[in-house]
N, C-alpha and C. Protein backbone atom coordinates (compact mmCIF):
# COMPACT_ATOMS: atom_id res chain seq x y z
N MET A 1 -13.92 -11.08 -6.84
CA MET A 1 -12.57 -11.57 -7.00
C MET A 1 -11.91 -11.70 -5.63
N LYS A 2 -11.28 -12.82 -5.39
CA LYS A 2 -10.53 -13.00 -4.15
C LYS A 2 -9.29 -12.11 -4.21
N ASN A 3 -8.87 -11.68 -3.07
CA ASN A 3 -7.71 -10.81 -3.02
C ASN A 3 -6.46 -11.57 -2.63
N CYS A 4 -5.49 -10.88 -2.16
CA CYS A 4 -4.14 -11.40 -1.99
C CYS A 4 -4.01 -12.42 -0.86
N LYS A 5 -3.70 -13.65 -1.22
CA LYS A 5 -3.45 -14.68 -0.22
C LYS A 5 -2.00 -14.61 0.26
N SER A 6 -1.18 -13.96 -0.51
CA SER A 6 0.19 -13.66 -0.11
C SER A 6 0.56 -12.33 -0.78
N PHE A 7 1.37 -11.56 -0.11
CA PHE A 7 1.69 -10.25 -0.68
C PHE A 7 3.01 -9.71 -0.17
N ARG A 8 3.58 -8.83 -0.98
CA ARG A 8 4.73 -8.02 -0.58
C ARG A 8 4.30 -6.57 -0.72
N ILE A 9 4.57 -5.80 0.30
CA ILE A 9 4.33 -4.35 0.27
C ILE A 9 5.66 -3.67 0.00
N TRP A 10 5.65 -2.77 -0.97
CA TRP A 10 6.80 -1.90 -1.22
C TRP A 10 6.39 -0.49 -0.81
N THR A 11 7.13 0.07 0.11
CA THR A 11 6.92 1.44 0.55
C THR A 11 8.20 2.22 0.25
N GLU A 12 8.07 3.50 0.02
CA GLU A 12 9.26 4.27 -0.34
C GLU A 12 10.09 4.67 0.88
N ASP A 13 9.57 4.49 2.05
CA ASP A 13 10.17 5.02 3.27
C ASP A 13 10.64 3.88 4.17
N ARG A 14 11.87 3.95 4.65
CA ARG A 14 12.36 2.87 5.52
C ARG A 14 11.58 2.77 6.81
N TYR A 15 11.05 3.88 7.31
CA TYR A 15 10.23 3.82 8.52
C TYR A 15 8.85 3.25 8.22
N GLY A 16 8.49 3.23 6.96
CA GLY A 16 7.22 2.66 6.54
C GLY A 16 7.16 1.15 6.75
N VAL A 17 8.29 0.48 6.75
CA VAL A 17 8.31 -0.97 6.94
C VAL A 17 7.72 -1.32 8.30
N LYS A 18 8.23 -0.72 9.35
CA LYS A 18 7.72 -1.00 10.70
C LYS A 18 6.32 -0.43 10.88
N PHE A 19 6.04 0.72 10.27
CA PHE A 19 4.70 1.31 10.34
C PHE A 19 3.67 0.33 9.78
N PHE A 20 3.91 -0.21 8.59
CA PHE A 20 2.95 -1.13 7.98
C PHE A 20 2.89 -2.46 8.73
N ASP A 21 4.00 -2.90 9.29
CA ASP A 21 3.97 -4.11 10.11
C ASP A 21 3.06 -3.90 11.32
N ASN A 22 3.24 -2.78 12.01
CA ASN A 22 2.38 -2.46 13.16
C ASN A 22 0.93 -2.30 12.73
N LEU A 23 0.72 -1.63 11.62
CA LEU A 23 -0.64 -1.38 11.13
C LEU A 23 -1.34 -2.69 10.78
N LEU A 24 -0.65 -3.61 10.14
CA LEU A 24 -1.25 -4.90 9.79
C LEU A 24 -1.66 -5.68 11.04
N ARG A 25 -0.82 -5.64 12.07
CA ARG A 25 -1.18 -6.31 13.33
C ARG A 25 -2.45 -5.72 13.93
N ARG A 26 -2.53 -4.40 13.91
CA ARG A 26 -3.74 -3.74 14.45
C ARG A 26 -4.97 -4.07 13.62
N ILE A 27 -4.83 -4.04 12.32
CA ILE A 27 -5.96 -4.36 11.44
C ILE A 27 -6.47 -5.77 11.75
N GLU A 28 -5.55 -6.68 11.92
CA GLU A 28 -5.92 -8.06 12.21
C GLU A 28 -6.61 -8.16 13.58
N ARG A 29 -6.05 -7.51 14.55
CA ARG A 29 -6.56 -7.59 15.92
C ARG A 29 -7.88 -6.82 16.09
N GLU A 30 -7.93 -5.59 15.61
CA GLU A 30 -9.07 -4.73 15.91
C GLU A 30 -10.18 -4.77 14.87
N LEU A 31 -9.84 -5.00 13.63
CA LEU A 31 -10.86 -5.08 12.59
C LEU A 31 -11.23 -6.53 12.29
N GLU A 32 -10.55 -7.44 12.99
CA GLU A 32 -10.81 -8.88 12.87
C GLU A 32 -10.68 -9.37 11.43
N ILE A 33 -9.66 -8.88 10.78
CA ILE A 33 -9.35 -9.32 9.42
C ILE A 33 -8.16 -10.27 9.52
N ARG A 34 -8.33 -11.46 9.00
CA ARG A 34 -7.25 -12.44 9.02
C ARG A 34 -6.29 -12.12 7.88
N ILE A 35 -5.13 -11.68 8.24
CA ILE A 35 -4.12 -11.32 7.24
C ILE A 35 -3.19 -12.50 7.04
N SER A 36 -2.87 -12.75 5.82
CA SER A 36 -2.02 -13.89 5.47
C SER A 36 -0.68 -13.82 6.19
N PRO A 37 -0.21 -14.96 6.68
CA PRO A 37 1.14 -14.98 7.24
C PRO A 37 2.20 -14.92 6.14
N HIS A 38 1.78 -15.10 4.90
CA HIS A 38 2.70 -15.08 3.76
C HIS A 38 2.79 -13.65 3.23
N LYS A 39 3.53 -12.84 3.97
CA LYS A 39 3.64 -11.42 3.62
C LYS A 39 5.06 -10.95 3.87
N ASP A 40 5.37 -9.84 3.25
CA ASP A 40 6.68 -9.24 3.41
C ASP A 40 6.52 -7.74 3.17
N ILE A 41 7.31 -6.95 3.86
CA ILE A 41 7.27 -5.50 3.70
C ILE A 41 8.70 -5.02 3.47
N LYS A 42 8.88 -4.27 2.42
CA LYS A 42 10.21 -3.78 2.06
C LYS A 42 10.14 -2.29 1.73
N SER A 43 11.29 -1.65 1.81
CA SER A 43 11.41 -0.25 1.44
C SER A 43 12.32 -0.10 0.23
N THR A 44 11.94 0.82 -0.65
CA THR A 44 12.81 1.13 -1.79
C THR A 44 13.77 2.27 -1.45
N MET A 45 13.68 2.77 -0.21
CA MET A 45 14.54 3.85 0.27
C MET A 45 14.41 5.11 -0.56
N GLY A 46 13.20 5.43 -0.93
CA GLY A 46 12.92 6.65 -1.67
C GLY A 46 11.93 6.40 -2.79
N ALA A 47 11.24 7.46 -3.18
CA ALA A 47 10.23 7.34 -4.24
C ALA A 47 10.85 6.91 -5.56
N GLY A 48 12.09 7.31 -5.80
CA GLY A 48 12.76 6.96 -7.05
C GLY A 48 12.90 5.46 -7.24
N GLY A 49 13.02 4.72 -6.14
CA GLY A 49 13.12 3.27 -6.23
C GLY A 49 11.85 2.64 -6.78
N ILE A 50 10.71 3.15 -6.36
CA ILE A 50 9.45 2.65 -6.90
C ILE A 50 9.31 3.11 -8.35
N ASP A 51 9.54 4.38 -8.58
CA ASP A 51 9.33 4.95 -9.92
C ASP A 51 10.19 4.29 -10.99
N SER A 52 11.45 4.03 -10.67
CA SER A 52 12.36 3.51 -11.69
C SER A 52 12.38 1.98 -11.77
N LYS A 53 11.96 1.30 -10.70
CA LYS A 53 12.10 -0.16 -10.66
C LYS A 53 10.79 -0.90 -10.51
N ILE A 54 9.66 -0.24 -10.72
CA ILE A 54 8.37 -0.86 -10.43
C ILE A 54 8.17 -2.17 -11.20
N VAL A 55 8.57 -2.23 -12.44
CA VAL A 55 8.38 -3.45 -13.23
C VAL A 55 9.26 -4.58 -12.68
N LYS A 56 10.51 -4.29 -12.42
CA LYS A 56 11.42 -5.30 -11.89
C LYS A 56 10.96 -5.78 -10.51
N LEU A 57 10.55 -4.86 -9.65
CA LEU A 57 10.09 -5.24 -8.31
C LEU A 57 8.85 -6.12 -8.38
N ALA A 58 7.95 -5.80 -9.30
CA ALA A 58 6.71 -6.58 -9.44
C ALA A 58 6.99 -7.97 -9.99
N THR A 59 7.71 -8.05 -11.09
CA THR A 59 7.92 -9.35 -11.72
C THR A 59 8.76 -10.28 -10.84
N ALA A 60 9.73 -9.73 -10.13
CA ALA A 60 10.51 -10.56 -9.20
C ALA A 60 9.65 -10.99 -8.01
N GLY A 61 8.82 -10.10 -7.53
CA GLY A 61 7.95 -10.41 -6.40
C GLY A 61 6.92 -11.48 -6.70
N TRP A 62 6.49 -11.54 -7.95
CA TRP A 62 5.49 -12.54 -8.35
C TRP A 62 6.01 -13.97 -8.22
N MET A 63 7.30 -14.15 -8.13
CA MET A 63 7.85 -15.50 -7.96
C MET A 63 7.38 -16.10 -6.64
N ARG A 64 7.15 -15.24 -5.65
CA ARG A 64 6.83 -15.73 -4.31
C ARG A 64 5.45 -15.30 -3.81
N TYR A 65 4.92 -14.19 -4.33
CA TYR A 65 3.69 -13.61 -3.78
C TYR A 65 2.62 -13.44 -4.86
N ASP A 66 1.35 -13.53 -4.44
CA ASP A 66 0.22 -13.31 -5.35
C ASP A 66 0.11 -11.84 -5.75
N CYS A 67 0.35 -10.98 -4.79
CA CYS A 67 0.16 -9.54 -5.02
C CYS A 67 1.39 -8.76 -4.60
N ILE A 68 1.67 -7.75 -5.38
CA ILE A 68 2.70 -6.79 -5.02
C ILE A 68 1.97 -5.47 -4.83
N ILE A 69 2.08 -4.93 -3.63
CA ILE A 69 1.37 -3.70 -3.26
C ILE A 69 2.40 -2.58 -3.17
N PHE A 70 2.24 -1.58 -4.01
CA PHE A 70 3.12 -0.42 -3.97
C PHE A 70 2.37 0.72 -3.29
N ILE A 71 2.99 1.31 -2.28
CA ILE A 71 2.38 2.45 -1.59
C ILE A 71 3.35 3.61 -1.75
N ARG A 72 2.89 4.63 -2.43
CA ARG A 72 3.74 5.76 -2.84
C ARG A 72 3.10 7.06 -2.42
N ASP A 73 3.89 7.96 -1.83
CA ASP A 73 3.40 9.30 -1.54
C ASP A 73 3.12 10.01 -2.86
N GLY A 74 2.05 10.79 -2.88
CA GLY A 74 1.69 11.52 -4.09
C GLY A 74 2.30 12.90 -4.16
N ASP A 75 2.73 13.42 -3.01
CA ASP A 75 3.36 14.74 -2.98
C ASP A 75 2.59 15.78 -3.78
N ARG A 76 1.27 15.74 -3.65
CA ARG A 76 0.33 16.64 -4.33
C ARG A 76 0.34 16.49 -5.86
N LYS A 77 0.89 15.38 -6.34
CA LYS A 77 0.89 15.11 -7.78
C LYS A 77 0.34 13.71 -8.03
N ARG A 78 -0.61 13.29 -7.22
CA ARG A 78 -1.13 11.93 -7.24
C ARG A 78 -1.50 11.45 -8.64
N ASP A 79 -2.31 12.23 -9.34
CA ASP A 79 -2.81 11.78 -10.65
C ASP A 79 -1.68 11.55 -11.65
N ASN A 80 -0.71 12.45 -11.69
CA ASN A 80 0.42 12.30 -12.62
C ASN A 80 1.27 11.09 -12.26
N ILE A 81 1.56 10.94 -10.97
CA ILE A 81 2.38 9.82 -10.52
C ILE A 81 1.67 8.50 -10.80
N HIS A 82 0.38 8.45 -10.46
CA HIS A 82 -0.39 7.23 -10.69
C HIS A 82 -0.41 6.86 -12.17
N LYS A 83 -0.63 7.85 -13.01
CA LYS A 83 -0.67 7.63 -14.47
C LYS A 83 0.67 7.10 -14.98
N ASP A 84 1.77 7.72 -14.56
CA ASP A 84 3.10 7.29 -15.00
C ASP A 84 3.40 5.85 -14.58
N LEU A 85 3.11 5.54 -13.31
CA LEU A 85 3.39 4.19 -12.82
C LEU A 85 2.49 3.15 -13.50
N LYS A 86 1.24 3.51 -13.70
CA LYS A 86 0.31 2.58 -14.35
C LYS A 86 0.77 2.29 -15.78
N GLN A 87 1.27 3.30 -16.48
CA GLN A 87 1.77 3.09 -17.85
C GLN A 87 2.95 2.12 -17.85
N LYS A 88 3.83 2.25 -16.87
CA LYS A 88 4.96 1.32 -16.79
C LYS A 88 4.47 -0.10 -16.55
N ILE A 89 3.50 -0.25 -15.67
CA ILE A 89 2.96 -1.57 -15.36
C ILE A 89 2.30 -2.19 -16.59
N GLU A 90 1.56 -1.38 -17.32
CA GLU A 90 0.85 -1.88 -18.50
C GLU A 90 1.81 -2.35 -19.60
N LYS A 91 3.05 -1.90 -19.54
CA LYS A 91 4.04 -2.30 -20.55
C LYS A 91 4.74 -3.61 -20.22
N ILE A 92 4.39 -4.23 -19.10
CA ILE A 92 5.00 -5.51 -18.76
C ILE A 92 4.59 -6.51 -19.84
N PRO A 93 5.56 -7.12 -20.50
CA PRO A 93 5.23 -8.07 -21.57
C PRO A 93 4.41 -9.25 -21.04
N ASP A 94 3.55 -9.77 -21.89
CA ASP A 94 2.69 -10.89 -21.50
C ASP A 94 3.49 -12.07 -20.97
N LYS A 95 4.65 -12.32 -21.55
CA LYS A 95 5.45 -13.47 -21.12
C LYS A 95 5.97 -13.30 -19.69
N GLN A 96 6.04 -12.06 -19.20
CA GLN A 96 6.48 -11.83 -17.82
C GLN A 96 5.30 -11.80 -16.84
N ARG A 97 4.11 -11.62 -17.35
CA ARG A 97 2.94 -11.58 -16.48
C ARG A 97 2.62 -12.99 -16.00
N LYS A 98 2.30 -13.10 -14.75
CA LYS A 98 1.99 -14.40 -14.16
C LYS A 98 0.48 -14.50 -13.96
N LYS A 99 -0.06 -15.69 -14.21
CA LYS A 99 -1.49 -15.92 -14.04
C LYS A 99 -1.87 -15.74 -12.57
N ASN A 100 -2.99 -15.07 -12.34
CA ASN A 100 -3.53 -14.84 -11.00
C ASN A 100 -2.61 -14.01 -10.10
N LYS A 101 -1.74 -13.23 -10.69
CA LYS A 101 -0.86 -12.34 -9.93
C LYS A 101 -1.33 -10.91 -10.17
N GLN A 102 -1.16 -10.07 -9.16
CA GLN A 102 -1.67 -8.70 -9.26
C GLN A 102 -0.62 -7.69 -8.81
N ILE A 103 -0.81 -6.48 -9.31
CA ILE A 103 -0.10 -5.32 -8.79
C ILE A 103 -1.18 -4.38 -8.28
N ILE A 104 -1.01 -3.95 -7.06
CA ILE A 104 -1.94 -2.98 -6.48
C ILE A 104 -1.13 -1.72 -6.22
N LEU A 105 -1.57 -0.66 -6.84
CA LEU A 105 -0.86 0.61 -6.80
C LEU A 105 -1.69 1.60 -6.00
N ILE A 106 -1.15 2.00 -4.86
CA ILE A 106 -1.82 2.99 -4.02
C ILE A 106 -0.94 4.23 -3.97
N VAL A 107 -1.41 5.28 -4.60
CA VAL A 107 -0.69 6.55 -4.58
C VAL A 107 -1.51 7.51 -3.72
N LEU A 108 -0.93 7.91 -2.62
CA LEU A 108 -1.61 8.82 -1.70
C LEU A 108 -1.68 10.21 -2.31
N ASN A 109 -2.60 11.02 -1.84
CA ASN A 109 -2.69 12.39 -2.34
C ASN A 109 -1.45 13.19 -1.97
N ASN A 110 -1.05 13.11 -0.73
CA ASN A 110 0.12 13.83 -0.24
C ASN A 110 1.18 12.85 0.22
N LYS A 111 1.21 12.61 1.51
CA LYS A 111 2.10 11.61 2.08
C LYS A 111 1.38 10.92 3.22
N ILE A 112 1.91 9.82 3.66
CA ILE A 112 1.22 8.99 4.64
C ILE A 112 0.91 9.76 5.92
N GLU A 113 1.82 10.65 6.31
CA GLU A 113 1.57 11.42 7.53
C GLU A 113 0.33 12.30 7.41
N LEU A 114 0.13 12.91 6.26
CA LEU A 114 -1.04 13.78 6.07
C LEU A 114 -2.30 12.99 5.76
N ASP A 115 -2.18 12.01 4.89
CA ASP A 115 -3.36 11.29 4.40
C ASP A 115 -3.92 10.27 5.38
N TRP A 116 -3.06 9.59 6.11
CA TRP A 116 -3.57 8.57 7.04
C TRP A 116 -3.31 8.92 8.49
N VAL A 117 -2.09 9.33 8.84
CA VAL A 117 -1.76 9.54 10.25
C VAL A 117 -2.55 10.70 10.84
N GLU A 118 -2.44 11.89 10.24
CA GLU A 118 -3.17 13.03 10.80
C GLU A 118 -4.67 12.81 10.77
N LYS A 119 -5.16 12.22 9.71
CA LYS A 119 -6.59 11.91 9.63
C LYS A 119 -6.96 10.89 10.71
N GLY A 120 -6.11 9.90 10.91
CA GLY A 120 -6.39 8.83 11.86
C GLY A 120 -6.27 9.23 13.32
N ILE A 121 -5.45 10.24 13.61
CA ILE A 121 -5.34 10.69 15.00
C ILE A 121 -6.20 11.93 15.25
N GLY A 122 -6.75 12.48 14.19
CA GLY A 122 -7.67 13.61 14.31
C GLY A 122 -7.02 14.94 14.63
N LYS A 123 -5.73 15.05 14.35
CA LYS A 123 -5.04 16.33 14.58
C LYS A 123 -3.73 16.35 13.80
N LYS A 124 -3.14 17.52 13.73
CA LYS A 124 -1.86 17.68 13.04
C LYS A 124 -0.74 17.05 13.88
N LEU A 125 0.28 16.60 13.20
CA LEU A 125 1.45 16.08 13.90
C LEU A 125 2.18 17.25 14.55
N PRO A 126 2.88 16.99 15.65
CA PRO A 126 3.60 18.08 16.32
C PRO A 126 4.68 18.68 15.42
N GLY A 127 5.00 19.92 15.65
CA GLY A 127 6.01 20.62 14.85
C GLY A 127 7.37 19.96 14.91
N ASP A 128 7.66 19.27 15.99
CA ASP A 128 8.95 18.60 16.13
C ASP A 128 8.88 17.12 15.72
N TYR A 129 7.87 16.77 14.94
CA TYR A 129 7.71 15.38 14.48
C TYR A 129 8.95 14.92 13.74
N ASP A 130 9.41 13.75 14.10
CA ASP A 130 10.56 13.12 13.45
C ASP A 130 10.06 11.89 12.69
N LYS A 131 10.48 11.74 11.46
CA LYS A 131 10.04 10.63 10.61
C LYS A 131 10.25 9.27 11.29
N ALA A 132 11.26 9.17 12.13
CA ALA A 132 11.53 7.91 12.84
C ALA A 132 10.38 7.52 13.77
N GLU A 133 9.51 8.47 14.11
CA GLU A 133 8.36 8.19 14.98
C GLU A 133 7.19 7.57 14.23
N LEU A 134 7.25 7.54 12.91
CA LEU A 134 6.13 7.05 12.10
C LEU A 134 5.58 5.71 12.59
N PRO A 135 6.41 4.70 12.88
CA PRO A 135 5.85 3.41 13.30
C PRO A 135 4.97 3.48 14.55
N THR A 136 5.25 4.40 15.44
CA THR A 136 4.45 4.50 16.67
C THR A 136 3.04 5.00 16.39
N TYR A 137 2.87 5.73 15.31
CA TYR A 137 1.55 6.28 15.00
C TYR A 137 0.59 5.22 14.46
N ALA A 138 1.10 4.09 14.03
CA ALA A 138 0.21 3.01 13.59
C ALA A 138 -0.68 2.55 14.74
N ASP A 139 -0.20 2.70 15.95
CA ASP A 139 -0.97 2.29 17.13
C ASP A 139 -1.89 3.38 17.66
N LYS A 140 -1.81 4.57 17.11
CA LYS A 140 -2.59 5.69 17.63
C LYS A 140 -3.75 6.09 16.73
N MET A 141 -3.81 5.56 15.54
CA MET A 141 -4.81 5.99 14.56
C MET A 141 -6.15 5.30 14.81
N ASP A 142 -7.23 6.00 14.48
CA ASP A 142 -8.58 5.44 14.55
C ASP A 142 -8.84 4.71 13.23
N LEU A 143 -8.74 3.39 13.27
CA LEU A 143 -8.86 2.60 12.04
C LEU A 143 -10.26 2.65 11.46
N ASN A 144 -11.27 2.70 12.31
CA ASN A 144 -12.64 2.76 11.79
C ASN A 144 -12.88 4.07 11.06
N PHE A 145 -12.31 5.15 11.54
CA PHE A 145 -12.42 6.43 10.86
C PHE A 145 -11.70 6.38 9.50
N LEU A 146 -10.53 5.77 9.48
CA LEU A 146 -9.75 5.67 8.24
C LEU A 146 -10.43 4.81 7.19
N ARG A 147 -11.32 3.94 7.59
CA ARG A 147 -12.00 3.06 6.63
C ARG A 147 -12.80 3.85 5.60
N GLU A 148 -13.02 5.13 5.84
CA GLU A 148 -13.73 5.98 4.88
C GLU A 148 -12.80 6.52 3.79
N ASP A 149 -11.50 6.40 4.01
CA ASP A 149 -10.51 6.88 3.04
C ASP A 149 -10.37 5.85 1.91
N ASN A 150 -10.50 6.30 0.66
CA ASN A 150 -10.46 5.37 -0.48
C ASN A 150 -9.16 4.59 -0.56
N ASN A 151 -8.02 5.24 -0.32
CA ASN A 151 -6.75 4.52 -0.37
C ASN A 151 -6.65 3.50 0.76
N PHE A 152 -7.15 3.84 1.93
CA PHE A 152 -7.12 2.90 3.04
C PHE A 152 -8.04 1.71 2.76
N LYS A 153 -9.20 1.99 2.16
CA LYS A 153 -10.11 0.90 1.78
C LYS A 153 -9.43 -0.04 0.79
N GLU A 154 -8.72 0.52 -0.16
CA GLU A 154 -8.01 -0.29 -1.14
C GLU A 154 -6.94 -1.13 -0.45
N PHE A 155 -6.25 -0.54 0.50
CA PHE A 155 -5.22 -1.26 1.25
C PHE A 155 -5.85 -2.44 2.01
N ILE A 156 -6.94 -2.17 2.71
CA ILE A 156 -7.63 -3.22 3.47
C ILE A 156 -8.07 -4.35 2.53
N SER A 157 -8.66 -4.00 1.41
CA SER A 157 -9.15 -5.04 0.50
C SER A 157 -7.99 -5.86 -0.08
N ALA A 158 -6.83 -5.26 -0.21
CA ALA A 158 -5.68 -5.99 -0.73
C ALA A 158 -5.12 -6.98 0.28
N VAL A 159 -5.06 -6.59 1.54
CA VAL A 159 -4.44 -7.45 2.55
C VAL A 159 -5.42 -8.44 3.17
N ASP A 160 -6.71 -8.29 2.86
CA ASP A 160 -7.72 -9.23 3.36
C ASP A 160 -7.98 -10.27 2.28
N PRO A 161 -7.37 -11.45 2.40
CA PRO A 161 -7.50 -12.43 1.32
C PRO A 161 -8.90 -13.02 1.18
N TRP A 162 -9.77 -12.76 2.12
CA TRP A 162 -11.11 -13.33 2.05
C TRP A 162 -12.18 -12.32 1.68
N SER A 163 -11.76 -11.10 1.40
CA SER A 163 -12.78 -10.11 1.03
C SER A 163 -13.06 -10.19 -0.47
N LEU A 164 -14.24 -9.81 -0.81
CA LEU A 164 -14.61 -9.70 -2.22
C LEU A 164 -14.69 -8.23 -2.53
N THR A 165 -13.96 -7.80 -3.54
CA THR A 165 -13.93 -6.39 -3.89
C THR A 165 -14.41 -6.21 -5.31
N PRO A 166 -15.51 -5.53 -5.51
CA PRO A 166 -15.94 -5.27 -6.88
C PRO A 166 -14.90 -4.42 -7.59
N GLU A 167 -14.48 -4.87 -8.76
CA GLU A 167 -13.47 -4.14 -9.53
C GLU A 167 -13.87 -2.70 -9.79
N LYS A 168 -15.14 -2.45 -10.03
CA LYS A 168 -15.56 -1.10 -10.39
C LYS A 168 -15.29 -0.09 -9.28
N ASN A 169 -15.26 -0.54 -8.03
CA ASN A 169 -15.03 0.39 -6.93
C ASN A 169 -13.58 0.85 -6.86
N PHE A 170 -12.67 0.06 -7.37
CA PHE A 170 -11.26 0.40 -7.23
C PHE A 170 -10.56 0.43 -8.58
N ARG A 171 -11.30 0.63 -9.65
CA ARG A 171 -10.74 0.58 -11.00
C ARG A 171 -9.54 1.51 -11.15
N ASP A 172 -9.58 2.68 -10.54
CA ASP A 172 -8.49 3.63 -10.76
C ASP A 172 -7.23 3.26 -9.97
N GLN A 173 -7.32 2.32 -9.03
CA GLN A 173 -6.16 2.00 -8.23
C GLN A 173 -5.60 0.62 -8.51
N ARG A 174 -6.42 -0.30 -8.94
CA ARG A 174 -5.96 -1.67 -9.18
C ARG A 174 -5.46 -1.77 -10.62
N CYS A 175 -4.27 -2.31 -10.78
CA CYS A 175 -3.67 -2.40 -12.12
C CYS A 175 -3.64 -3.84 -12.58
């Protein structure tokens, strides 16, 4: 299956917007993945925005984009959060579903700093870490090392419109 030729990323964190923008540039430059210029990154300004508005955000986003990618911290409750959000998505009435449109739901185990940043830089963040610094860490992470992370693999396959991703590999994350 071809992946997203255009996409909107919804992240719960306002600093995540610049982080993902920086990360996409690096992925394109260093991993040689051609990322669609038809993209947008927005913040819901908190997890509650994704949790309560996921259906509205997806159906409105489908007017302009092939894929709506939700990236949500799991806060050590990944399975429960993923299940709840997936149930909401599955309740979207057929008349609102658009042909060839997708929702990609990535729920991290903890939060982006623990799951991708610390793993990608190979050490813990400093004790005085400020959330506003998050965008700078997109340039410090080892992307090849992160490619082993299932959520990161799912993210890469979503933003790479020319990759072929077997559904069975990502069944639990793709909705």
